[in-house]
Amino acid sequence: MHDDRFTPLGRKLVAAILGTSLLALVLAFALNLLFAIHSHEREAAQRARSLTSLMASSLAAAADFDDPDAATEDLAALALISEVSGAAVYVDGNVLFAAYGEPPPLPDQAQALRNGEPVVEMHLSSLTVIRPVASASPGSWLVVTVSLADQWAAMWRSLLIALLIMAGVFAVCIRVAIRFRRRLTDPLTELGRAVADITLNEDYARRVEYRSDDEIGMLVVGFNAMLEKIGQRDAELRGHRQYLEQMVEERTRQLEISGQELERKNLMLEAEIRRRTKAEMVRDEVERINRHDLKSSLSLVIGYPELLLTEGGLNDQQVKSVKRIRAAGYRMLDMIRNHLDMFKMEHGIYSLRQKPVDLVETACALEEEFAPLLASLGVSLNIELDEAEVVGVEQFAVRGEEPLLRAMLRNLIQNAIEASNRGGLVLMRLENGPRKRVSVYNQTPVPAEIRHRVFDKYVTHGKENGTGLGTYFAALIARTHGANIVMRTDDQAGTLMTVVFRDAGPGMPRR
């Protein structure tokens, strides 16, 4: 309980009493000192004013008759006053007329005094009084220097006596503080020893023997009552501890049994993980083979239309049909490639290869691709660039991967077409600005059941063959490009899907 930082309460009490007393004495001494200095200065200044008033009156005749000897004789009377160290009479502004002792100089500001009042300049060891002499010739001045040495000596004697009195008072304060400390803190010291002993030996049966009708007595009574309660609780805690030890032993035994069971289940889980890992490897290998076989078959679907278009001899309708077959083949090839890309984007490991992409060209190609679907459903598709209908020669450049951006737009447009009623309109808008925007609008609202999760995986509604991956994959592509994709829908206005790119995009070379 006692360490190097411990300071007894009695010492603090004595320090507080003595500190307060010393502060009061110092303040009293300082106030007395200031008052004494002010009183001595004021008294000396008053005597000097009276003296210069008498001397100025007696010097008026000498100044009027231009009699320096008479003025010197009048000034010589100042020898009777020991405090006067020098005096001088100046006429015509600053001409020395008569002097006594060491003649004081005439201050510059004396020339400005015209109201007849004396001016007192107070210094540390002397004071100077400047008073005009009431004579017929203007510009006559009396300057008297009075030494303050005697006043300072008397004042210091008084202050020394005051210091001696303060020392005596402080000694009395020390005796009183020690007496208070003994009467107030000795019981607390005894209580502290008892607390330290009880803490060290944990003997809660001990009691502090002290009786008093003050706060310390109440503290001791409360402390003894607290010890009584602690003793009772200590006995209860010993009983609880024994019970808890028994419970811990029982729980330990149960945990050992559970650990053995957990180890057995871990072995089973490891076997299941190995089995599933092997099955996953087999599935991945099958998917790889399937993708390879599909790509091999698609090479014919894509290659033969290219061959037919190269050989020529087809009419316009046949050329259009062959191009649609080729576009369908490329679309299927993109779907096979995008399957692996989707996995990488979901796990944040996809490496985006960005370059300028003209979305006008991509949109026009998609318009031709969706021509059969639009015709079969009776839906119109309009493409606008900055609120003007696109004719195919415009440019709208963003940075990204063209296959992914084409897949994103294809999914958004296809969903809008398939959701539209016969005779409906799908509007695709491309908008320039600080951040480029691409939006796809249709007149049919999104069903309320899926509005809050329309961009989630496997979310679909009302489609027999829907996979729920269209808007999910579109949102995944947009976020991979650093773009934001949002949806607004209601029963009156329809549905608007908007993709906002993070920058304005680069320029495209002119076609």
Foldseek 3Di string as FASTA:
>chain_A
DDDPPDDAPLVVLLCVLLVVLVVVLVVVLVVVLVVLVVVLVVVVVVVVQVVVVVLLAQCQVCVQVLPLVSNQVSVVVCVVPVQWQKKFKAAPAFHTRYMDHPYDHDDPCVVVDDPQHWDWADDDFKIKIWGARPYPGPNIIMIIIGTCVVSVVVSVVVSVVSVVVSVVVSVVSSVVSSVVSCVPRPLVVQVVVVVVVCVVVVPLVDARDDDDPDPSNVVRVVVNVVSVVVVVVVVVVVVVVVVVVVVVVVVVVVVVVVVVVVVVVVVVVVVVVVVVVVVVVVVVVVLVVVLVVLVVVLCCQQVVLVVDVVVDPDDPVVNLVSVLSNVVSVVVNLVSVVVVVVVCLVVVNDDWDKDKDWVLQLVVVLCSNCVVVCVVQQEEEFEEEQNHTDPRQDGQIAITDVSLVSLLVNLLQVVQSVQAHHNWYWYWYWYADQWTKIKIFTQAFDDPVCQVPLLPFQDDPDDPPDRSCSSVSSCSSLVVQVWDWDWDGDNGRGIMIMIIHPGRHDDDPRD
